[in-house]
Amino acid sequence: MFKSKKYKDSVKLIEKSKLYDPSEAMGLVCQTSKAKFDETIEVHVRLGVDSRHADQQVRGAIVLPHGTGKTVRVLVFAKGERADQARAAGAEFVGDTDLVEKIQKENWFDYDVVIATPDMMGTIGRLGRVLGPKGLMPNPKAGTVTMDVAKAVQEAKAGKIEYRLDKTNIIHCPIGKASFGAEKLGENFDTLLGAILKAKPAAAKGQYIKSCVLAATMGPGIKVNPSRIG
C-alpha cells in the first residue's frame, strides 16, 4: 500500500508501542494532521463486551461541548405542529410519506441525521433496510425518536453524535476537526469517553476499555492508555 511522504513524516512523530496519556495524544493527533483540508479526528474504542448479547450492548448519544465541526443536514419525519417546530428549529427537510417515497424511489441520502416523531415510525418502518445499514434509522436510545423534535434538531446541529458498538465490539466516533486544537479535542474526547464509561453494561466482565486509538483522517493511529481514561 502506497504511503505519502506526509504520512511517513507523521509516523516518525509516534512511538508505535507507546500508550499515550489522552492530553499528549491530542497534541500529537493535531501534529500528524498534515493534509491540505481540515481533517476529522476520530476515536476508535474497543470494549471488553460481546455485542452479540443484548445485555452487553453499548449505545447512546451525546452532545459534544465543541461540536464536530461538521455542518449537519437534518431530515425530520413529522406532521402538523411538530413539522412546523422542526422547520423553525432549522431542519433542512421535513415531511412524512412524501419523503418516504422520495427515499425509496430516488435512493435519496442528502442528509446526515434522521429524526422522527413516535407516530411516524409505522410509516417509515419500511425504510429500515435502507436507512439501517447507513446508521440513519431513528432510534429512541439515540434520542432521534421523540415528540420534542425542536430540541432533537438543535442538538443534532450543535454536534450531537451517536456511539454504538459494531460487530467487532469497537465504537468509532468523530470528536472534531484538527483545527479545534488539543484542548477542545480533549474536552470532546472526555465527554464521549465519559458517556461510554457510564453506559457500561452490568453484564460486562473484566477490563471494559480494551484499547483506544486516535487518528486524523489521513494520519496514523495513536494509542491512548486505557488506564488513563475516566
Protein backbone atom coordinates (compact mmCIF):
# COMPACT_ATOMS: atom_id res chain seq x y z
CA MET A 1 0.00 0.00 0.00
CA PHE A 2 1.35 3.43 -1.02
CA LYS A 3 2.10 5.79 1.86
CA SER A 4 2.58 9.50 1.14
CA LYS A 5 5.61 11.47 2.35
CA LYS A 6 3.36 13.42 4.75
CA TYR A 7 2.08 10.17 6.25
CA LYS A 8 5.61 8.83 6.67
CA ASP A 9 6.65 12.10 8.34
CA SER A 10 3.68 11.79 10.71
CA VAL A 11 4.58 8.21 11.62
CA LYS A 12 8.03 9.39 12.74
CA LEU A 13 6.38 11.53 15.43
CA ILE A 14 4.81 8.49 17.09
CA GLU A 15 6.28 5.65 19.13
CA LYS A 16 4.34 2.63 17.86
CA SER A 17 4.38 0.63 21.07
CA LYS A 18 3.77 3.56 23.43
CA LEU A 19 0.44 4.13 25.17
CA TYR A 20 -0.03 7.90 25.39
CA ASP A 21 -1.86 9.93 28.02
CA PRO A 22 -5.01 11.45 26.48
CA SER A 23 -3.66 15.04 26.64
CA GLU A 24 -0.40 14.06 24.93
CA ALA A 25 -2.31 12.08 22.30
CA MET A 26 -4.47 15.15 21.49
CA GLY A 27 -1.39 17.23 20.82
CA LEU A 28 0.13 14.52 18.65
CA VAL A 29 -3.01 13.93 16.58
CA CYS A 30 -3.04 17.64 15.69
CA GLN A 31 0.64 17.46 14.69
CA THR A 32 0.04 14.42 12.47
CA SER A 33 -2.80 16.14 10.62
CA LYS A 34 -0.87 17.36 7.59
CA ALA A 35 -3.45 17.26 4.77
CA LYS A 36 -4.46 20.39 2.88
CA PHE A 37 -8.02 20.12 4.27
CA ASP A 38 -9.20 20.31 7.88
CA GLU A 39 -9.01 16.66 8.87
CA THR A 40 -11.60 14.99 11.09
CA ILE A 41 -10.22 13.47 14.29
CA GLU A 42 -11.72 10.09 15.10
CA VAL A 43 -11.57 7.89 18.17
CA HIS A 44 -11.84 4.09 17.99
CA VAL A 45 -12.57 2.34 21.29
CA ARG A 46 -12.52 -1.46 21.65
CA LEU A 47 -14.62 -2.66 24.57
CA GLY A 48 -14.47 -5.84 26.62
CA VAL A 49 -18.06 -6.79 25.84
CA ASP A 50 -19.75 -9.13 23.37
CA SER A 51 -22.11 -7.24 21.07
CA ARG A 52 -23.88 -10.50 20.14
CA HIS A 53 -25.59 -10.44 23.55
CA ALA A 54 -28.46 -8.00 24.09
CA ASP A 55 -27.40 -7.34 27.70
CA GLN A 56 -23.92 -6.24 26.57
CA GLN A 57 -24.94 -3.64 24.01
CA VAL A 58 -23.39 -0.19 24.37
CA ARG A 59 -25.28 2.54 22.56
CA GLY A 60 -26.28 6.11 23.17
CA ALA A 61 -25.84 9.71 22.08
CA ILE A 62 -24.03 12.71 23.49
CA VAL A 63 -23.69 16.39 22.58
CA LEU A 64 -20.01 17.27 22.27
CA PRO A 65 -19.19 20.58 24.03
CA HIS A 66 -17.44 21.94 20.91
CA GLY A 67 -19.48 20.11 18.27
CA THR A 68 -17.94 18.09 15.46
CA GLY A 69 -17.01 20.92 13.12
CA LYS A 70 -19.33 19.44 10.53
CA THR A 71 -22.40 21.11 9.05
CA VAL A 72 -25.22 18.67 9.81
CA ARG A 73 -28.21 18.34 7.49
CA VAL A 74 -31.31 17.14 9.34
CA LEU A 75 -34.33 15.27 7.97
CA VAL A 76 -37.44 15.11 10.16
CA PHE A 77 -40.46 12.86 9.70
CA ALA A 78 -43.34 14.68 11.39
CA LYS A 79 -46.81 16.11 10.74
CA GLY A 80 -48.72 19.26 11.64
CA GLU A 81 -47.44 21.27 14.59
CA ARG A 82 -44.37 19.06 15.09
CA ALA A 83 -43.39 19.57 11.46
CA ASP A 84 -43.65 23.34 11.94
CA GLN A 85 -41.48 23.11 15.08
CA ALA A 86 -38.84 21.10 13.18
CA ARG A 87 -38.69 23.71 10.41
CA ALA A 88 -38.44 26.55 12.96
CA ALA A 89 -35.55 24.73 14.68
CA GLY A 90 -33.61 24.62 11.40
CA ALA A 91 -34.30 21.19 9.91
CA GLU A 92 -33.41 21.16 6.20
CA PHE A 93 -36.02 18.56 5.21
CA VAL A 94 -39.41 17.97 6.86
CA GLY A 95 -42.21 15.71 5.65
CA ASP A 96 -43.90 12.33 6.01
CA THR A 97 -45.00 9.88 3.29
CA ASP A 98 -43.69 12.19 0.56
CA LEU A 99 -40.13 11.85 1.89
CA VAL A 100 -40.52 8.10 2.44
CA GLU A 101 -41.37 7.74 -1.26
CA LYS A 102 -38.51 10.03 -2.30
CA ILE A 103 -36.01 7.85 -0.39
CA GLN A 104 -37.48 4.63 -1.80
CA LYS A 105 -37.77 5.77 -5.41
CA GLU A 106 -34.74 8.05 -5.75
CA ASN A 107 -32.29 6.41 -3.31
CA TRP A 108 -32.02 9.88 -1.74
CA PHE A 109 -29.45 10.43 1.04
CA ASP A 110 -28.66 14.17 1.10
CA TYR A 111 -28.89 14.37 4.92
CA ASP A 112 -26.79 13.35 7.92
CA VAL A 113 -29.33 12.79 10.71
CA VAL A 114 -32.90 11.46 10.61
CA ILE A 115 -35.39 12.32 13.39
CA ALA A 116 -38.98 11.12 13.69
CA THR A 117 -41.96 11.53 15.99
CA PRO A 118 -43.16 8.21 17.50
CA ASP A 119 -46.39 8.25 15.45
CA MET A 120 -44.32 8.27 12.23
CA MET A 121 -42.37 5.09 13.00
CA GLY A 122 -45.06 2.85 11.49
CA THR A 123 -44.85 4.83 8.25
CA ILE A 124 -41.05 4.86 8.00
CA GLY A 125 -40.57 1.30 9.28
CA ARG A 126 -40.19 0.04 5.72
CA LEU A 127 -37.10 2.25 5.32
CA GLY A 128 -35.23 0.20 7.93
CA ARG A 129 -33.41 -1.86 5.32
CA VAL A 130 -32.28 1.31 3.54
CA LEU A 131 -31.51 3.63 6.46
CA GLY A 132 -30.34 0.98 8.96
CA PRO A 133 -27.06 -0.02 7.24
CA LYS A 134 -26.15 3.68 6.97
CA GLY A 135 -26.80 4.27 10.68
CA LEU A 136 -29.60 6.70 9.84
CA MET A 137 -32.69 4.87 11.15
CA PRO A 138 -34.29 6.88 14.00
CA ASN A 139 -33.88 5.20 17.38
CA PRO A 140 -35.25 6.11 20.84
CA LYS A 141 -31.90 5.29 22.52
CA ALA A 142 -30.18 7.85 20.33
CA GLY A 143 -32.87 10.44 21.02
CA THR A 144 -33.92 10.53 17.37
CA VAL A 145 -37.45 9.19 18.02
CA THR A 146 -39.07 11.94 20.06
CA MET A 147 -42.01 14.31 20.33
CA ASP A 148 -39.60 17.16 21.11
CA VAL A 149 -38.35 17.46 17.55
CA ALA A 150 -37.15 21.05 18.03
CA LYS A 151 -34.74 20.00 20.78
CA ALA A 152 -33.57 16.99 18.74
CA VAL A 153 -32.85 19.19 15.71
CA GLN A 154 -30.99 21.77 17.82
CA GLU A 155 -28.85 19.06 19.45
CA ALA A 156 -28.03 17.48 16.09
CA LYS A 157 -26.93 20.88 14.79
CA ALA A 158 -24.90 21.55 17.96
CA GLY A 159 -22.78 18.43 17.48
CA LYS A 160 -24.70 15.51 18.92
CA ILE A 161 -23.12 12.21 17.98
CA GLU A 162 -24.33 8.65 18.35
CA TYR A 163 -21.98 5.97 19.65
CA ARG A 164 -22.66 2.28 19.18
CA LEU A 165 -20.76 -0.99 19.06
CA ASP A 166 -20.01 -2.56 15.70
CA LYS A 167 -19.80 -6.34 15.20
CA THR A 168 -16.16 -6.36 16.33
CA ASN A 169 -17.04 -4.63 19.65
CA ILE A 170 -15.48 -1.31 18.57
CA ILE A 171 -17.05 2.16 18.76
CA HIS A 172 -15.96 4.61 16.04
CA CYS A 173 -16.76 8.31 16.57
CA PRO A 174 -15.61 11.72 15.32
CA ILE A 175 -14.59 14.15 18.06
CA GLY A 176 -13.94 17.25 15.97
CA LYS A 177 -11.54 18.76 13.46
CA ALA A 178 -7.77 19.17 13.64
CA SER A 179 -8.28 22.96 13.67
CA PHE A 180 -10.02 22.67 17.07
CA GLY A 181 -6.64 22.24 18.76
CA ALA A 182 -5.66 19.84 21.53
CA GLU A 183 -7.67 21.48 24.33
CA LYS A 184 -11.10 21.43 22.62
CA LEU A 185 -10.48 17.97 21.18
CA GLY A 186 -9.56 16.81 24.69
CA GLU A 187 -12.82 18.16 26.13
CA ASN A 188 -14.84 16.45 23.38
CA PHE A 189 -12.88 13.23 23.98
CA ASP A 190 -13.53 13.34 27.73
CA THR A 191 -17.25 13.91 27.15
CA LEU A 192 -17.55 10.97 24.75
CA LEU A 193 -15.48 8.56 26.85
CA GLY A 194 -17.37 9.63 29.97
CA ALA A 195 -20.63 8.66 28.27
CA ILE A 196 -19.20 5.31 27.13
CA LEU A 197 -17.96 4.56 30.66
CA LYS A 198 -21.37 5.47 32.11
CA ALA A 199 -23.04 3.14 29.59
CA LYS A 200 -21.05 0.11 30.80
CA PRO A 201 -23.43 -2.88 30.86
CA ALA A 202 -23.88 -4.68 34.18
CA ALA A 203 -23.11 -7.93 32.34
CA ALA A 204 -19.64 -6.70 31.24
CA LYS A 205 -16.83 -8.61 32.95
CA GLY A 206 -13.12 -7.86 33.19
CA GLN A 207 -11.44 -4.87 31.56
CA TYR A 208 -14.09 -2.64 29.97
CA ILE A 209 -11.96 -0.40 27.75
CA LYS A 210 -9.54 -2.75 26.00
CA SER A 211 -7.90 -0.23 23.69
CA CYS A 212 -8.36 3.30 22.38
CA VAL A 213 -6.84 4.77 19.22
CA LEU A 214 -6.95 8.35 17.92
CA ALA A 215 -6.36 9.24 14.28
CA ALA A 216 -6.75 12.11 11.86
CA THR A 217 -8.45 11.32 8.51
CA MET A 218 -5.13 10.87 6.70
CA GLY A 219 -2.91 10.27 9.72
CA PRO A 220 -1.57 7.24 11.60
CA GLY A 221 -3.20 5.76 14.70
CA ILE A 222 -2.09 6.96 18.15
CA LYS A 223 -2.67 4.56 21.03
CA VAL A 224 -4.23 6.07 24.17
CA ASN A 225 -3.54 4.44 27.54
CA PRO A 226 -6.88 2.87 28.63
CA SER A 227 -5.92 3.10 32.31
CA ARG A 228 -5.72 6.92 31.99
CA ILE A 229 -9.26 7.25 30.67
CA GLY A 230 -12.00 8.30 33.04
